[in-house]
Amino acid sequence: MSIRDLFPHQVIRFALAVIFGLLLAGCHSQPPAQHQPTAEEQRKLDEDYKKTMEEQKKLTSGYDKSMQYTPPSTGYTPSKKRSGSQKSPSSKPQPQPQK
């Protein structure tokens, strides 16, 4: 049993025509033409770009300094010695056994 037995010749020809038509249409499609700005439009675009860059510079100036991590204050200062209640148990002197 061949493909000719399953489908009539007209269906095969039509299918091949559709496939080739779609392939050719896909090959010849072109993107829309790019619009070249006039001198006035280009000048305005350049001004807008410069203005945007200036605003960005103002907004981001000092960013590296202001965004440095500062830990929250807990009131603890490592150099300051605290009372005995704050000492760890391992730092207490061990009593020596009496003879």
N, C-alpha and C. Protein backbone atom coordinates (compact mmCIF):
# COMPACT_ATOMS: atom_id res chain seq x y z
N MET A 1 0.85 -1.17 0.00
CA MET A 1 0.00 0.00 0.00
C MET A 1 0.90 1.24 0.00
N SER A 2 0.71 2.09 -0.97
CA SER A 2 1.55 3.27 -1.10
C SER A 2 0.74 4.52 -0.73
N ILE A 3 1.43 5.64 -0.73
CA ILE A 3 0.78 6.91 -0.39
C ILE A 3 -0.25 7.30 -1.45
N ARG A 4 -0.04 6.86 -2.69
CA ARG A 4 -1.00 7.15 -3.78
C ARG A 4 -2.34 6.46 -3.53
N ASP A 5 -2.29 5.35 -2.86
CA ASP A 5 -3.53 4.64 -2.56
C ASP A 5 -4.30 5.33 -1.44
N LEU A 6 -3.57 5.97 -0.51
CA LEU A 6 -4.23 6.60 0.63
C LEU A 6 -4.80 7.97 0.29
N PHE A 7 -4.09 8.77 -0.53
CA PHE A 7 -4.53 10.13 -0.85
C PHE A 7 -4.63 10.30 -2.36
N PRO A 8 -5.64 11.01 -2.85
CA PRO A 8 -5.73 11.30 -4.29
C PRO A 8 -4.63 12.27 -4.71
N HIS A 9 -4.32 12.31 -5.99
CA HIS A 9 -3.25 13.16 -6.52
C HIS A 9 -3.50 14.63 -6.25
N GLN A 10 -4.74 15.06 -6.29
CA GLN A 10 -5.04 16.48 -6.10
C GLN A 10 -4.68 16.92 -4.66
N VAL A 11 -4.91 16.07 -3.68
CA VAL A 11 -4.61 16.41 -2.29
C VAL A 11 -3.10 16.53 -2.10
N ILE A 12 -2.34 15.63 -2.68
CA ILE A 12 -0.89 15.67 -2.56
C ILE A 12 -0.33 16.93 -3.22
N ARG A 13 -0.84 17.24 -4.42
CA ARG A 13 -0.36 18.45 -5.11
C ARG A 13 -0.71 19.71 -4.32
N PHE A 14 -1.90 19.74 -3.78
CA PHE A 14 -2.31 20.91 -3.00
C PHE A 14 -1.43 21.06 -1.76
N ALA A 15 -1.16 19.99 -1.07
CA ALA A 15 -0.34 20.05 0.14
C ALA A 15 1.07 20.51 -0.19
N LEU A 16 1.64 20.00 -1.28
CA LEU A 16 2.98 20.42 -1.68
C LEU A 16 3.00 21.91 -2.07
N ALA A 17 1.96 22.38 -2.74
CA ALA A 17 1.88 23.78 -3.12
C ALA A 17 1.80 24.68 -1.88
N VAL A 18 1.04 24.26 -0.90
CA VAL A 18 0.92 25.04 0.35
C VAL A 18 2.26 25.08 1.07
N ILE A 19 2.94 23.95 1.16
CA ILE A 19 4.23 23.90 1.86
C ILE A 19 5.25 24.80 1.15
N PHE A 20 5.36 24.68 -0.17
CA PHE A 20 6.31 25.52 -0.89
C PHE A 20 5.93 27.00 -0.83
N GLY A 21 4.67 27.29 -0.84
CA GLY A 21 4.22 28.68 -0.74
C GLY A 21 4.60 29.29 0.60
N LEU A 22 4.42 28.52 1.67
CA LEU A 22 4.79 29.02 3.00
C LEU A 22 6.30 29.19 3.12
N LEU A 23 7.06 28.26 2.56
CA LEU A 23 8.51 28.39 2.61
C LEU A 23 8.99 29.62 1.86
N LEU A 24 8.45 29.85 0.69
CA LEU A 24 8.85 31.02 -0.09
C LEU A 24 8.44 32.33 0.59
N ALA A 25 7.26 32.34 1.18
CA ALA A 25 6.80 33.55 1.87
C ALA A 25 7.70 33.84 3.07
N GLY A 26 8.13 32.80 3.77
CA GLY A 26 9.02 32.99 4.92
C GLY A 26 10.40 33.47 4.51
N CYS A 27 10.89 33.04 3.39
CA CYS A 27 12.22 33.45 2.93
C CYS A 27 12.24 34.89 2.45
N HIS A 28 11.15 35.35 1.89
CA HIS A 28 11.13 36.69 1.30
C HIS A 28 10.58 37.77 2.24
N SER A 29 10.18 37.39 3.43
CA SER A 29 9.66 38.42 4.34
C SER A 29 10.83 39.26 4.85
N GLN A 30 10.64 40.56 4.89
CA GLN A 30 11.68 41.48 5.33
C GLN A 30 11.14 42.32 6.47
N PRO A 31 12.01 42.70 7.38
CA PRO A 31 11.56 43.58 8.46
C PRO A 31 11.17 44.94 7.89
N PRO A 32 10.32 45.68 8.59
CA PRO A 32 9.93 47.00 8.10
C PRO A 32 11.14 47.93 8.01
N ALA A 33 11.08 48.83 7.08
CA ALA A 33 12.20 49.76 6.86
C ALA A 33 12.39 50.64 8.09
N GLN A 34 13.65 50.88 8.44
CA GLN A 34 13.98 51.73 9.59
C GLN A 34 13.81 53.19 9.20
N HIS A 35 13.21 53.95 10.11
CA HIS A 35 13.03 55.38 9.89
C HIS A 35 14.28 56.11 10.36
N GLN A 36 14.92 56.82 9.47
CA GLN A 36 16.09 57.61 9.83
C GLN A 36 15.63 58.96 10.38
N PRO A 37 16.04 59.31 11.61
CA PRO A 37 15.60 60.59 12.17
C PRO A 37 16.20 61.77 11.43
N THR A 38 15.45 62.83 11.39
CA THR A 38 15.94 64.06 10.78
C THR A 38 16.95 64.70 11.71
N ALA A 39 17.60 65.76 11.24
CA ALA A 39 18.62 66.44 12.05
C ALA A 39 18.01 67.00 13.33
N GLU A 40 16.80 67.54 13.22
CA GLU A 40 16.12 68.10 14.40
C GLU A 40 15.78 66.99 15.40
N GLU A 41 15.26 65.87 14.90
CA GLU A 41 14.92 64.75 15.79
C GLU A 41 16.18 64.18 16.44
N GLN A 42 17.26 64.09 15.69
CA GLN A 42 18.52 63.57 16.23
C GLN A 42 19.06 64.49 17.32
N ARG A 43 18.97 65.81 17.10
CA ARG A 43 19.42 66.77 18.12
C ARG A 43 18.61 66.61 19.39
N LYS A 44 17.29 66.46 19.26
CA LYS A 44 16.43 66.28 20.43
C LYS A 44 16.76 64.97 21.15
N LEU A 45 16.99 63.91 20.38
CA LEU A 45 17.36 62.64 21.00
C LEU A 45 18.68 62.76 21.78
N ASP A 46 19.64 63.47 21.21
CA ASP A 46 20.92 63.66 21.88
C ASP A 46 20.75 64.47 23.17
N GLU A 47 19.93 65.52 23.12
CA GLU A 47 19.69 66.33 24.32
C GLU A 47 19.01 65.50 25.41
N ASP A 48 18.02 64.73 25.02
CA ASP A 48 17.33 63.87 25.99
C ASP A 48 18.29 62.85 26.61
N TYR A 49 19.17 62.30 25.79
CA TYR A 49 20.14 61.33 26.29
C TYR A 49 21.08 61.98 27.29
N LYS A 50 21.59 63.19 26.96
CA LYS A 50 22.48 63.90 27.89
C LYS A 50 21.78 64.22 29.19
N LYS A 51 20.52 64.67 29.10
CA LYS A 51 19.75 64.99 30.30
C LYS A 51 19.56 63.75 31.17
N THR A 52 19.26 62.63 30.53
CA THR A 52 19.08 61.38 31.27
C THR A 52 20.37 60.96 31.96
N MET A 53 21.49 61.08 31.28
CA MET A 53 22.78 60.71 31.88
C MET A 53 23.12 61.61 33.06
N GLU A 54 22.81 62.91 32.96
CA GLU A 54 23.06 63.82 34.08
C GLU A 54 22.20 63.45 35.29
N GLU A 55 20.93 63.13 35.04
CA GLU A 55 20.05 62.74 36.13
C GLU A 55 20.53 61.44 36.78
N GLN A 56 20.98 60.52 35.97
CA GLN A 56 21.48 59.25 36.51
C GLN A 56 22.72 59.48 37.36
N LYS A 57 23.59 60.38 36.90
CA LYS A 57 24.81 60.69 37.65
C LYS A 57 24.46 61.31 39.00
N LYS A 58 23.46 62.20 39.02
CA LYS A 58 23.04 62.82 40.28
C LYS A 58 22.46 61.78 41.23
N LEU A 59 21.65 60.88 40.68
CA LEU A 59 21.00 59.89 41.53
C LEU A 59 21.97 58.85 42.08
N THR A 60 23.01 58.54 41.34
CA THR A 60 23.92 57.48 41.77
C THR A 60 25.20 58.00 42.40
N SER A 61 25.38 59.32 42.48
CA SER A 61 26.60 59.83 43.10
C SER A 61 26.57 59.54 44.60
N GLY A 62 27.68 59.06 45.12
CA GLY A 62 27.77 58.72 46.53
C GLY A 62 27.11 57.40 46.88
N TYR A 63 26.68 56.66 45.91
CA TYR A 63 26.00 55.39 46.18
C TYR A 63 26.91 54.42 46.92
N ASP A 64 28.16 54.33 46.51
CA ASP A 64 29.06 53.38 47.13
C ASP A 64 29.33 53.72 48.59
N LYS A 65 29.32 54.99 48.94
CA LYS A 65 29.59 55.39 50.33
C LYS A 65 28.34 55.23 51.19
N SER A 66 27.20 55.63 50.66
CA SER A 66 25.99 55.61 51.47
C SER A 66 25.44 54.20 51.65
N MET A 67 25.82 53.27 50.79
CA MET A 67 25.25 51.94 50.87
C MET A 67 26.15 50.94 51.59
N GLN A 68 27.20 51.43 52.24
CA GLN A 68 28.06 50.51 52.99
C GLN A 68 27.30 50.02 54.22
N TYR A 69 27.56 48.78 54.60
CA TYR A 69 26.84 48.16 55.70
C TYR A 69 27.29 48.75 57.02
N THR A 70 26.34 49.17 57.82
CA THR A 70 26.59 49.64 59.17
C THR A 70 25.77 48.78 60.10
N PRO A 71 26.40 47.98 60.93
CA PRO A 71 25.62 47.10 61.80
C PRO A 71 24.84 47.89 62.83
N PRO A 72 23.71 47.38 63.27
CA PRO A 72 22.93 48.09 64.29
C PRO A 72 23.67 48.11 65.62
N SER A 73 23.44 49.15 66.37
CA SER A 73 24.11 49.28 67.67
C SER A 73 23.42 48.40 68.70
N THR A 74 24.21 47.59 69.39
CA THR A 74 23.66 46.73 70.45
C THR A 74 24.09 47.22 71.82
N GLY A 75 24.93 48.23 71.85
CA GLY A 75 25.42 48.73 73.12
C GLY A 75 26.64 47.98 73.60
N TYR A 76 27.04 46.95 72.92
CA TYR A 76 28.20 46.15 73.32
C TYR A 76 29.47 46.74 72.74
N THR A 77 30.44 46.96 73.61
CA THR A 77 31.74 47.39 73.15
C THR A 77 32.75 46.36 73.63
N PRO A 78 33.48 45.73 72.77
CA PRO A 78 34.38 44.65 73.17
C PRO A 78 35.50 45.09 74.10
N SER A 79 35.93 46.33 74.03
CA SER A 79 37.03 46.78 74.87
C SER A 79 36.58 47.09 76.30
N LYS A 80 35.30 47.26 76.50
CA LYS A 80 34.77 47.62 77.81
C LYS A 80 34.55 46.35 78.63
N LYS A 81 35.09 46.29 79.87
CA LYS A 81 34.91 45.11 80.70
C LYS A 81 33.61 45.23 81.47
N ARG A 82 32.90 44.12 81.56
CA ARG A 82 31.60 44.10 82.21
C ARG A 82 31.72 43.50 83.61
N SER A 83 30.63 43.58 84.34
CA SER A 83 30.60 43.04 85.70
C SER A 83 30.64 41.51 85.66
N GLY A 84 30.72 40.85 86.81
CA GLY A 84 30.86 39.40 86.91
C GLY A 84 29.70 38.62 86.33
N SER A 85 28.53 39.19 86.28
CA SER A 85 27.38 38.44 85.75
C SER A 85 27.52 38.19 84.25
N GLN A 86 28.33 38.95 83.58
CA GLN A 86 28.51 38.81 82.14
C GLN A 86 29.64 37.84 81.79
N LYS A 87 30.45 37.45 82.79
CA LYS A 87 31.60 36.60 82.52
C LYS A 87 31.15 35.19 82.20
N SER A 88 31.93 34.51 81.40
CA SER A 88 31.61 33.13 81.07
C SER A 88 32.07 32.22 82.21
N PRO A 89 31.44 31.06 82.38
CA PRO A 89 31.77 30.17 83.50
C PRO A 89 33.19 29.61 83.38
N SER A 90 33.76 29.52 82.23
CA SER A 90 35.10 28.96 82.10
C SER A 90 36.17 29.91 82.63
N SER A 91 35.86 31.19 82.78
CA SER A 91 36.87 32.14 83.25
C SER A 91 36.92 32.23 84.77
N LYS A 92 35.99 31.58 85.50
CA LYS A 92 36.01 31.59 86.97
C LYS A 92 37.13 30.68 87.47
N PRO A 93 37.82 31.07 88.51
CA PRO A 93 38.88 30.19 89.05
C PRO A 93 38.26 28.94 89.66
N GLN A 94 38.89 27.82 89.43
CA GLN A 94 38.41 26.55 89.98
C GLN A 94 38.97 26.38 91.38
N PRO A 95 38.10 25.96 92.34
CA PRO A 95 38.62 25.74 93.71
C PRO A 95 39.54 24.51 93.72
N GLN A 96 40.63 24.65 94.45
CA GLN A 96 41.58 23.55 94.50
C GLN A 96 41.23 22.66 95.69
N PRO A 97 41.37 21.37 95.51
CA PRO A 97 41.01 20.44 96.61
C PRO A 97 41.96 20.59 97.78
N GLN A 98 41.42 20.50 99.00
CA GLN A 98 42.20 20.61 100.24
C GLN A 98 42.79 19.26 100.59
N LYS A 99 44.02 19.25 101.14
CA LYS A 99 44.68 18.00 101.54
C LYS A 99 44.47 17.68 102.97
